[in-house]
N, C-alpha and C. Protein backbone atom coordinates (compact mmCIF):
# COMPACT_ATOMS: atom_id res chain seq x y z
N UNK A 1 -2.03 27.14 -2.94
CA UNK A 1 -0.41 26.89 -3.47
C UNK A 1 0.18 27.23 -5.19
N UNK A 2 1.32 27.14 -5.46
CA UNK A 2 1.55 26.82 -6.65
C UNK A 2 1.25 25.40 -6.86
N UNK A 3 1.18 24.88 -8.19
CA UNK A 3 1.57 23.53 -8.71
C UNK A 3 2.89 23.14 -8.02
N UNK A 4 3.82 24.02 -8.51
CA UNK A 4 5.55 23.70 -8.49
C UNK A 4 5.42 23.36 -7.25
N UNK A 5 4.99 24.24 -6.50
CA UNK A 5 5.47 24.25 -4.66
C UNK A 5 4.71 22.56 -4.30
N UNK A 6 3.21 22.50 -5.33
CA UNK A 6 2.55 21.62 -4.32
C UNK A 6 3.47 20.11 -4.88
N UNK A 7 3.95 20.28 -6.20
CA UNK A 7 4.87 18.91 -6.89
C UNK A 7 5.75 18.90 -5.99
N UNK A 8 7.00 19.73 -5.37
CA UNK A 8 8.10 20.01 -4.85
C UNK A 8 8.28 19.34 -3.46
N UNK A 9 6.63 19.81 -2.77
CA UNK A 9 6.60 19.04 -1.34
C UNK A 9 6.00 17.73 -1.27
N UNK A 10 5.16 17.08 -2.65
CA UNK A 10 4.96 16.23 -3.03
C UNK A 10 5.67 15.05 -3.22
N UNK A 11 6.89 15.09 -3.61
CA UNK A 11 8.47 14.89 -3.84
C UNK A 11 8.80 14.13 -2.87
N UNK A 12 8.35 15.71 -1.59
CA UNK A 12 9.36 15.41 -0.31
C UNK A 12 8.33 14.33 0.63
N UNK A 13 7.47 14.51 0.66
CA UNK A 13 6.57 13.60 1.35
C UNK A 13 6.43 11.96 0.71
N UNK A 14 6.78 11.85 -0.86
CA UNK A 14 6.97 10.36 -0.96
C UNK A 14 8.19 10.19 -0.13
N UNK A 15 9.48 10.74 -0.30
CA UNK A 15 10.60 10.30 0.18
C UNK A 15 10.53 10.17 2.00
N UNK A 16 9.95 10.97 2.29
CA UNK A 16 9.96 11.19 3.56
C UNK A 16 9.18 9.70 4.72
N UNK A 17 8.16 9.29 3.98
CA UNK A 17 7.38 8.45 3.98
C UNK A 17 7.98 6.75 3.67
N UNK A 18 8.95 7.19 2.53
CA UNK A 18 9.79 5.73 2.13
C UNK A 18 10.58 5.72 3.57
N UNK A 19 11.29 6.54 4.15
CA UNK A 19 12.18 6.34 4.77
C UNK A 19 11.62 5.85 6.44
N UNK A 20 10.38 6.91 6.45
CA UNK A 20 9.49 6.53 7.35
C UNK A 20 9.10 4.80 7.37
N UNK A 21 8.60 3.99 6.33
CA UNK A 21 8.26 3.06 6.19
C UNK A 21 9.03 1.76 6.07
N UNK A 22 10.35 1.69 6.13
CA UNK A 22 11.77 1.06 5.19
C UNK A 22 11.59 0.51 6.79
N UNK A 23 11.41 1.16 7.96
CA UNK A 23 11.62 0.07 9.38
C UNK A 23 10.56 -0.84 9.06
N UNK A 24 9.21 -0.98 8.67
CA UNK A 24 8.52 -1.58 8.81
C UNK A 24 8.36 -2.51 7.58
N UNK A 25 9.56 -2.62 6.67
CA UNK A 25 9.73 -3.75 5.55
C UNK A 25 9.89 -3.73 4.42
N UNK A 26 9.13 -2.38 4.40
CA UNK A 26 8.29 -1.15 3.17
C UNK A 26 9.33 -0.77 2.54
N UNK A 27 9.53 -0.89 1.30
CA UNK A 27 10.23 0.15 0.13
C UNK A 27 9.77 0.45 -0.83
N UNK A 28 10.49 1.92 -1.21
CA UNK A 28 9.72 2.47 -2.20
C UNK A 28 10.13 1.76 -3.72
N UNK A 29 8.98 1.89 -4.23
CA UNK A 29 9.54 1.06 -5.68
C UNK A 29 9.18 1.68 -7.34
N UNK A 30 7.99 2.59 -6.67
CA UNK A 30 7.52 2.60 -8.42
C UNK A 30 6.78 3.99 -7.30
N UNK A 31 7.21 5.23 -7.99
CA UNK A 31 6.08 6.33 -7.74
C UNK A 31 5.53 6.81 -6.61
N UNK A 32 4.19 6.00 -6.44
CA UNK A 32 3.23 6.31 -5.23
C UNK A 32 3.15 4.90 -4.74
N UNK A 33 3.60 3.79 -4.56
CA UNK A 33 4.07 2.37 -4.45
C UNK A 33 5.37 2.15 -3.17
N UNK A 34 4.62 1.45 -2.34
CA UNK A 34 5.53 1.25 -1.28
C UNK A 34 4.89 -0.57 -0.78
N UNK A 35 6.45 -1.20 -0.91
CA UNK A 35 6.00 -2.64 -1.16
C UNK A 35 7.04 -3.76 -0.17
N UNK A 36 6.22 -4.73 0.09
CA UNK A 36 6.71 -5.48 1.18
C UNK A 36 6.48 -7.30 0.85
N UNK A 37 7.60 -7.61 0.30
CA UNK A 37 7.39 -8.88 -0.59
C UNK A 37 7.47 -10.16 0.60
N UNK A 38 6.49 -11.18 0.33
CA UNK A 38 6.58 -12.28 1.23
C UNK A 38 6.51 -13.70 0.01
N UNK A 39 6.66 -14.50 0.48
CA UNK A 39 6.85 -15.57 -0.11
C UNK A 39 5.64 -15.96 -1.49
N UNK A 40 4.92 -15.50 -1.13
CA UNK A 40 3.25 -15.76 -2.43
C UNK A 40 2.58 -14.44 -2.40
N UNK A 41 2.69 -13.46 -2.20
CA UNK A 41 2.28 -12.24 -2.23
C UNK A 41 3.38 -11.10 -1.99
N UNK A 42 2.57 -10.25 -3.07
CA UNK A 42 3.08 -8.72 -2.23
C UNK A 42 2.29 -7.90 -1.41
N UNK A 43 2.24 -7.05 -0.73
CA UNK A 43 1.91 -6.25 0.12
C UNK A 43 2.11 -5.43 -0.19
N UNK A 44 1.42 -4.75 -0.42
CA UNK A 44 1.65 -2.87 -0.55
C UNK A 44 0.55 -1.93 -0.31
N UNK A 45 1.24 -0.54 -0.06
CA UNK A 45 0.47 0.47 0.22
C UNK A 45 0.83 1.43 -0.76
N UNK A 46 -0.45 2.64 -1.15
CA UNK A 46 -0.65 3.19 -2.88
C UNK A 46 -0.49 4.47 -1.93
N UNK A 47 0.12 5.65 -2.19
CA UNK A 47 -0.35 6.94 -1.90
C UNK A 47 -1.26 7.55 -2.65
N UNK A 48 -2.36 7.67 -3.06
CA UNK A 48 -2.87 8.20 -3.88
C UNK A 48 -2.85 10.05 -3.60
N UNK A 49 -2.52 10.93 -4.29
CA UNK A 49 -2.62 12.19 -3.95
C UNK A 49 -3.53 12.85 -4.60
N UNK A 50 -4.77 13.56 -4.21
CA UNK A 50 -5.42 14.31 -5.30
C UNK A 50 -5.64 15.22 -6.11
N UNK A 51 -5.91 15.52 -6.93
CA UNK A 51 -5.82 16.53 -7.88
C UNK A 51 -6.04 17.57 -8.18
N UNK A 52 -7.09 17.96 -7.02
CA UNK A 52 -7.27 19.22 -6.46
C UNK A 52 -6.81 19.56 -5.37
N UNK A 53 -5.93 19.38 -4.35
CA UNK A 53 -5.26 19.72 -3.52
C UNK A 53 -3.79 18.93 -3.20
N UNK A 54 -3.25 19.62 -2.23
CA UNK A 54 -2.01 18.83 -1.48
C UNK A 54 -2.95 17.62 -0.07
N UNK A 55 -3.62 16.71 -0.50
CA UNK A 55 -4.09 15.61 0.20
C UNK A 55 -3.60 14.27 -0.33
N UNK A 56 -3.58 13.41 0.58
CA UNK A 56 -3.91 11.77 0.53
C UNK A 56 -4.81 11.00 0.68
N UNK A 57 -4.96 9.89 0.05
CA UNK A 57 -5.83 9.16 0.62
C UNK A 57 -5.13 8.21 0.50
N UNK A 58 -4.54 6.91 1.84
CA UNK A 58 -3.61 6.01 1.03
C UNK A 58 -4.73 4.56 1.06
N UNK A 59 -4.06 3.65 0.09
CA UNK A 59 -4.58 2.57 0.01
C UNK A 59 -3.86 1.33 0.25
N UNK A 60 -4.39 0.22 0.81
CA UNK A 60 -3.55 -0.99 1.26
C UNK A 60 -4.08 -2.27 0.07
N UNK A 61 -3.37 -3.10 -0.66
CA UNK A 61 -3.84 -4.21 -0.99
C UNK A 61 -2.34 -5.26 -0.41
N UNK A 62 -3.33 -6.12 -1.37
CA UNK A 62 -2.33 -8.01 -1.07
C UNK A 62 -2.23 -8.59 -2.41
N UNK A 63 -1.04 -8.47 -3.00
CA UNK A 63 -1.19 -8.74 -4.90
C UNK A 63 -0.43 -10.80 -4.51
N UNK A 64 -1.32 -11.48 -4.97
CA UNK A 64 -0.81 -12.62 -5.44
C UNK A 64 0.08 -12.96 -6.57
N UNK A 65 1.30 -13.25 -6.27
CA UNK A 65 2.46 -13.09 -7.33
C UNK A 65 1.83 -14.22 -8.77
N UNK A 66 1.36 -14.92 -8.18
CA UNK A 66 1.10 -15.52 -9.77
C UNK A 66 -0.18 -15.33 -10.38
N UNK A 67 -0.91 -13.85 -9.67
CA UNK A 67 -1.93 -13.35 -10.56
C UNK A 67 -1.39 -13.05 -11.71
N UNK A 68 -2.39 -13.02 -12.62
CA UNK A 68 -2.29 -12.76 -14.06
C UNK A 68 -3.05 -11.13 -14.42
N UNK A 69 -3.96 -11.10 -12.98
CA UNK A 69 -4.33 -9.08 -13.51
C UNK A 69 -3.65 -8.63 -13.89
N UNK A 70 -4.03 -7.62 -14.87
CA UNK A 70 -2.70 -6.63 -15.10
C UNK A 70 -2.27 -5.45 -14.41
N UNK A 71 -3.16 -4.99 -13.42
CA UNK A 71 -3.31 -4.09 -12.42
C UNK A 71 -3.51 -4.53 -11.03
N UNK A 72 -2.54 -3.37 -10.03
CA UNK A 72 -2.66 -4.06 -8.74
C UNK A 72 -3.97 -3.72 -8.54
N UNK A 73 -4.65 -4.52 -7.72
CA UNK A 73 -6.19 -4.15 -7.05
C UNK A 73 -5.83 -3.53 -5.53
N UNK A 74 -6.31 -2.38 -5.45
CA UNK A 74 -7.06 -1.56 -4.01
C UNK A 74 -7.56 -2.83 -3.50
N UNK A 75 -7.22 -3.47 -2.66
CA UNK A 75 -8.27 -4.82 -2.51
C UNK A 75 -8.45 -4.24 -0.76
N UNK A 76 -7.60 -3.75 -0.11
CA UNK A 76 -7.77 -3.75 1.37
C UNK A 76 -8.48 -2.37 1.49
N UNK A 77 -7.80 -1.87 3.18
CA UNK A 77 -8.95 -0.84 3.55
C UNK A 77 -8.17 0.71 3.09
N UNK A 78 -8.88 1.76 3.01
CA UNK A 78 -7.91 2.90 2.65
C UNK A 78 -8.19 3.94 3.81
N UNK A 79 -7.65 5.18 3.47
CA UNK A 79 -7.03 6.22 5.25
C UNK A 79 -8.70 6.98 5.24
N UNK A 80 -9.63 7.32 3.80
CA UNK A 80 -10.43 8.35 3.82
C UNK A 80 -11.43 7.82 4.96
N UNK A 81 -12.57 6.83 5.57
CA UNK A 81 -12.76 7.13 6.94
C UNK A 81 -12.40 7.60 7.99
N UNK A 82 -10.52 6.94 8.14
CA UNK A 82 -9.99 7.15 8.98
C UNK A 82 -9.47 8.62 9.36
N UNK A 83 -10.10 10.01 8.49
CA UNK A 83 -10.04 11.09 8.79
C UNK A 83 -10.76 12.07 9.23
N UNK A 84 -11.68 11.21 9.08
CA UNK A 84 -13.28 11.64 9.87
C UNK A 84 -13.21 11.75 10.83
N UNK A 85 -14.24 12.64 12.17
CA UNK A 85 -14.32 12.93 13.19
C UNK A 85 -14.75 11.36 13.73
N UNK A 86 -15.09 10.77 12.69
CA UNK A 86 -16.08 9.20 13.47
C UNK A 86 -14.86 7.73 12.83
N UNK A 87 -13.48 8.19 13.21
CA UNK A 87 -12.86 7.22 12.66
C UNK A 87 -12.90 5.77 13.16
N UNK A 88 -12.64 5.02 11.90
CA UNK A 88 -13.21 3.46 13.03
C UNK A 88 -12.40 2.58 13.76
N UNK A 89 -10.71 3.89 14.23
CA UNK A 89 -10.32 3.54 15.03
C UNK A 89 -10.23 4.35 16.98
N UNK A 90 -11.04 5.36 15.93
CA UNK A 90 -11.15 6.50 17.03
C UNK A 90 -10.42 7.41 17.26
N UNK A 91 -9.11 7.34 16.08
CA UNK A 91 -7.98 8.27 15.97
C UNK A 91 -8.33 9.13 14.68
N UNK A 92 -7.88 9.96 14.33
CA UNK A 92 -8.49 11.02 13.41
C UNK A 92 -6.91 11.23 12.81
N UNK A 93 -6.38 10.95 11.61
CA UNK A 93 -5.67 11.10 10.79
C UNK A 93 -5.80 12.21 9.42
N UNK A 94 -4.73 13.43 9.68
CA UNK A 94 -4.50 14.70 8.97
C UNK A 94 -3.70 14.74 7.78
N UNK A 95 -4.22 13.71 6.49
CA UNK A 95 -3.22 13.58 5.32
C UNK A 95 -3.50 14.41 4.44
N UNK A 96 -2.76 16.02 4.50
CA UNK A 96 -2.75 17.05 3.80
C UNK A 96 -1.35 17.45 4.50
N UNK A 97 -0.70 18.61 3.55
CA UNK A 97 0.33 19.29 3.75
C UNK A 97 0.06 21.03 2.89
N UNK A 98 0.98 21.02 3.61
CA UNK A 98 1.47 22.62 2.88
C UNK A 98 2.54 23.18 2.08
N UNK A 99 3.17 24.66 1.84
CA UNK A 99 4.32 24.96 1.58
C UNK A 99 5.40 24.73 2.30
N UNK A 100 5.38 24.19 3.65
CA UNK A 100 6.34 24.55 4.07
C UNK A 100 6.72 22.98 4.90
N UNK A 101 8.14 23.18 5.14
CA UNK A 101 8.95 21.66 5.84
C UNK A 101 8.11 21.13 6.80
N UNK A 102 7.72 21.69 7.44
CA UNK A 102 6.94 21.65 9.00
C UNK A 102 5.48 20.88 8.77
N UNK A 103 4.87 21.01 7.44
CA UNK A 103 3.60 20.15 7.52
C UNK A 103 3.49 19.16 6.46
N UNK A 104 5.52 19.24 5.71
CA UNK A 104 5.21 17.72 4.82
C UNK A 104 5.96 17.00 5.66
N UNK A 105 6.63 17.40 7.25
CA UNK A 105 6.91 16.31 7.77
C UNK A 105 5.69 15.97 8.78
N UNK A 106 4.91 16.56 8.75
CA UNK A 106 3.79 16.16 9.91
C UNK A 106 2.74 15.68 8.94
N UNK A 107 2.60 15.51 7.54
CA UNK A 107 1.70 14.70 6.70
C UNK A 107 2.40 13.34 6.93
N UNK A 108 3.65 13.44 6.39
CA UNK A 108 4.41 12.34 6.18
C UNK A 108 4.54 11.31 7.28
N UNK A 109 4.35 11.95 8.42
CA UNK A 109 4.30 11.58 10.07
C UNK A 109 2.95 10.47 9.99
N UNK A 110 1.82 11.52 9.78
CA UNK A 110 0.66 10.73 9.69
C UNK A 110 0.28 9.99 8.68
N UNK A 111 0.55 9.78 7.28
CA UNK A 111 0.69 8.52 7.16
C UNK A 111 1.49 7.39 7.44
N UNK A 112 2.29 7.84 8.22
CA UNK A 112 3.50 6.71 8.49
C UNK A 112 2.66 6.02 9.88
N UNK A 113 1.81 7.07 10.87
CA UNK A 113 1.15 6.37 11.72
C UNK A 113 -0.55 5.70 11.36
N UNK A 114 -0.67 5.67 10.22
CA UNK A 114 -2.45 5.33 9.76
C UNK A 114 -1.49 3.75 9.35
N UNK A 115 -0.42 3.88 8.17
CA UNK A 115 0.16 2.76 8.19
C UNK A 115 0.75 1.83 9.48
N UNK A 116 0.78 2.14 10.21
CA UNK A 116 1.36 1.51 11.36
C UNK A 116 0.31 0.83 12.04
N UNK A 117 -0.72 2.02 12.54
CA UNK A 117 -1.80 1.89 13.42
C UNK A 117 -2.91 0.30 12.60
N UNK A 118 -2.94 1.00 11.59
CA UNK A 118 -3.99 0.08 10.83
C UNK A 118 -3.75 -0.70 9.63
N UNK A 119 -3.01 -0.24 8.93
CA UNK A 119 -1.55 -0.85 7.65
C UNK A 119 -1.61 -1.98 8.43
N UNK A 120 -0.63 -2.11 8.86
CA UNK A 120 0.34 -3.39 9.68
C UNK A 120 -0.44 -4.42 10.31
N UNK A 121 -1.28 -4.16 11.23
CA UNK A 121 -2.16 -5.42 11.56
C UNK A 121 -3.15 -6.09 10.57
N UNK A 122 -3.62 -5.15 10.10
CA UNK A 122 -4.64 -5.88 8.51
C UNK A 122 -3.87 -6.56 7.62
N UNK A 123 -2.36 -6.15 7.59
CA UNK A 123 -1.50 -7.35 6.39
C UNK A 123 -1.26 -8.42 7.41
N UNK A 124 -0.96 -8.21 8.24
CA UNK A 124 -0.31 -8.99 9.76
C UNK A 124 -1.23 -10.29 10.06
N UNK A 125 -2.66 -9.38 9.94
CA UNK A 125 -4.37 -10.57 9.70
C UNK A 125 -4.25 -12.10 8.94
N UNK A 126 -3.11 -11.37 7.65
CA UNK A 126 -3.48 -12.42 6.09
C UNK A 126 -2.10 -12.43 6.53
N UNK A 127 -1.04 -12.74 7.18
CA UNK A 127 0.62 -13.19 6.93
C UNK A 127 0.76 -14.29 6.84
N UNK A 128 0.00 -14.90 7.23
CA UNK A 128 -0.51 -16.48 6.91
C UNK A 128 -0.78 -16.53 5.47
N UNK A 129 -0.89 -17.23 4.33
CA UNK A 129 -1.36 -17.34 3.18
C UNK A 129 -2.45 -18.45 3.26
N UNK A 130 -2.98 -19.25 4.37
CA UNK A 130 -3.99 -20.10 4.64
C UNK A 130 -4.82 -18.94 5.35
N UNK A 131 -4.47 -17.82 5.61
CA UNK A 131 -5.98 -16.52 6.30
C UNK A 131 -6.04 -16.32 5.29
N UNK A 132 -5.49 -15.88 3.88
CA UNK A 132 -5.49 -15.70 2.48
C UNK A 132 -6.84 -16.41 2.13
N UNK A 133 -6.82 -17.77 2.06
CA UNK A 133 -7.84 -18.93 1.41
C UNK A 133 -8.93 -19.00 2.45
N UNK A 134 -9.15 -18.72 3.24
CA UNK A 134 -10.27 -19.56 4.07
C UNK A 134 -11.02 -18.17 5.21
N UNK A 135 -9.65 -16.99 5.61
CA UNK A 135 -10.77 -16.07 6.19
C UNK A 135 -11.71 -15.15 5.60
N UNK A 136 -12.77 -15.62 6.23
CA UNK A 136 -13.93 -14.72 5.71
C UNK A 136 -13.63 -13.06 5.01
N UNK A 137 -12.80 -12.60 5.75
CA UNK A 137 -12.37 -11.15 5.73
C UNK A 137 -11.31 -11.23 4.54
N UNK A 138 -10.79 -12.11 4.05
CA UNK A 138 -9.91 -11.78 3.02
C UNK A 138 -10.05 -10.79 2.10
N UNK A 139 -8.93 -10.34 1.47
CA UNK A 139 -9.41 -9.67 0.78
C UNK A 139 -8.78 -10.04 -1.17
N UNK A 140 -8.98 -11.20 -1.23
CA UNK A 140 -8.79 -11.77 -2.68
C UNK A 140 -10.08 -12.67 -3.29
N UNK A 141 -10.26 -11.79 -4.04
CA UNK A 141 -11.10 -12.96 -4.78
C UNK A 141 -11.09 -14.12 -5.19
N UNK A 142 -12.17 -14.71 -5.69
CA UNK A 142 -12.08 -16.40 -5.96
C UNK A 142 -10.93 -16.90 -6.90
N UNK A 143 -10.39 -16.00 -7.61
CA UNK A 143 -9.66 -16.48 -8.72
C UNK A 143 -8.46 -15.89 -7.98
N UNK A 144 -8.23 -14.53 -7.40
CA UNK A 144 -6.82 -14.82 -6.72
C UNK A 144 -6.63 -15.91 -5.42
N UNK A 145 -7.30 -16.57 -4.95
CA UNK A 145 -7.61 -17.90 -4.12
C UNK A 145 -6.75 -18.98 -5.13
N UNK A 146 -7.23 -18.87 -6.01
CA UNK A 146 -7.06 -19.84 -7.29
C UNK A 146 -5.68 -20.46 -7.18
N UNK A 147 -5.49 -19.04 -7.70
CA UNK A 147 -4.46 -19.03 -7.96
C UNK A 147 -2.75 -18.52 -7.10
N UNK A 148 -2.95 -18.34 -5.87
CA UNK A 148 -2.57 -18.69 -4.89
C UNK A 148 -2.67 -19.94 -4.34
N UNK A 149 -3.41 -20.97 -4.62
CA UNK A 149 -3.38 -22.40 -4.53
C UNK A 149 -2.49 -23.09 -5.22
N UNK A 150 -2.75 -22.45 -6.46
CA UNK A 150 -1.60 -23.50 -7.53
C UNK A 150 -0.31 -22.92 -6.81
N UNK A 151 0.28 -21.53 -6.71
CA UNK A 151 1.73 -21.81 -5.94
C UNK A 151 1.89 -22.41 -5.12
N UNK A 152 0.76 -22.15 -3.99
CA UNK A 152 1.24 -22.47 -2.84
C UNK A 152 1.82 -24.44 -3.33
N UNK A 153 1.07 -24.84 -4.38
CA UNK A 153 1.19 -26.17 -4.95
C UNK A 153 2.50 -26.62 -5.62
N UNK A 154 2.73 -25.50 -5.49
CA UNK A 154 4.42 -26.00 -6.71
C UNK A 154 4.41 -25.34 -8.34
N UNK A 155 2.93 -24.72 -8.46
CA UNK A 155 2.22 -24.62 -10.08
C UNK A 155 2.44 -22.63 -10.07
N UNK A 156 3.49 -22.19 -9.47
CA UNK A 156 3.25 -20.60 -10.39
C UNK A 156 3.92 -20.50 -11.68
N UNK A 157 3.05 -19.86 -12.17
CA UNK A 157 3.51 -19.50 -13.20
C UNK A 157 4.65 -18.38 -13.66
N UNK A 158 5.73 -18.36 -13.86
CA UNK A 158 6.88 -17.53 -13.83
C UNK A 158 6.73 -16.07 -14.44
N UNK A 159 5.91 -16.63 -15.68
CA UNK A 159 5.47 -15.34 -16.37
C UNK A 159 4.84 -14.25 -15.43
N UNK A 160 3.72 -14.70 -14.77
CA UNK A 160 3.15 -13.72 -14.08
C UNK A 160 3.79 -13.74 -12.95
N UNK A 161 4.47 -14.45 -12.31
CA UNK A 161 5.15 -13.62 -10.89
C UNK A 161 6.35 -12.50 -11.42
N UNK A 162 6.99 -12.51 -12.81
CA UNK A 162 7.68 -11.40 -13.42
C UNK A 162 6.56 -10.51 -13.62
N UNK A 163 5.16 -10.33 -14.05
CA UNK A 163 4.63 -9.98 -14.20
C UNK A 163 3.99 -8.47 -13.32
N UNK A 164 3.52 -9.48 -12.51
CA UNK A 164 3.16 -8.93 -10.83
C UNK A 164 4.47 -8.13 -10.72
N UNK A 165 5.61 -8.43 -10.29
CA UNK A 165 6.92 -7.46 -9.68
C UNK A 165 6.45 -6.61 -10.48
N UNK A 166 6.94 -6.89 -11.79
CA UNK A 166 7.42 -5.42 -12.29
C UNK A 166 5.48 -4.13 -12.01
N UNK A 167 5.33 -5.14 -12.28
CA UNK A 167 3.46 -4.25 -11.76
C UNK A 167 4.10 -2.75 -10.85
N UNK A 168 4.80 -3.13 -10.13
CA UNK A 168 5.29 -2.33 -8.81
C UNK A 168 6.78 -1.65 -9.46
N UNK A 169 6.91 -2.13 -10.32
CA UNK A 169 8.29 -1.75 -10.51
C UNK A 169 9.89 -2.23 -9.93
N UNK A 170 9.72 -3.36 -9.56
CA UNK A 170 10.59 -4.32 -8.86
C UNK A 170 10.87 -5.52 -9.33
N UNK A 171 11.02 -5.71 -11.03
CA UNK A 171 11.38 -6.87 -11.48
C UNK A 171 12.49 -7.81 -10.99
N UNK A 172 13.38 -7.14 -10.60
CA UNK A 172 14.72 -7.38 -9.99
C UNK A 172 14.28 -8.26 -8.23
N UNK A 173 13.35 -8.69 -8.14
CA UNK A 173 12.73 -9.14 -6.65
C UNK A 173 13.23 -10.78 -7.40
């Protein structure tokens, strides 16, 4: 596939995924990021398009708004194991596209399906911020947990919160 056609189709996938994820509460904010802001955290989905071809890996993450780390940490599950025949949930997801609209729509639908079937349940597991602090499966590092405790105790750093939201291109939240 020509690179210009691939770039065009990639843009179509991003727009379509944005519209498919909107009913789940996620909005397309910056290039390949889709976020859902909660009181203390930003839940995010990142679409990584491989350089070698027209296919994706989907990454999930939870960012404590009060965090000072200068980049989004991809601290959740990713779609790669789910594209294999021995998928963890028994469903295989086809996250590639061709030059035609039908393949763009199929790929976007598969990304949405993975986010609905794997991503949303994972985010829901940590919807209560106390689960992020106490659950053994929490994706947060100890420093993240400390920053979350501070925020929940009324000690959020407004500069850290602004920096966190601006990482995703959404400083207006």
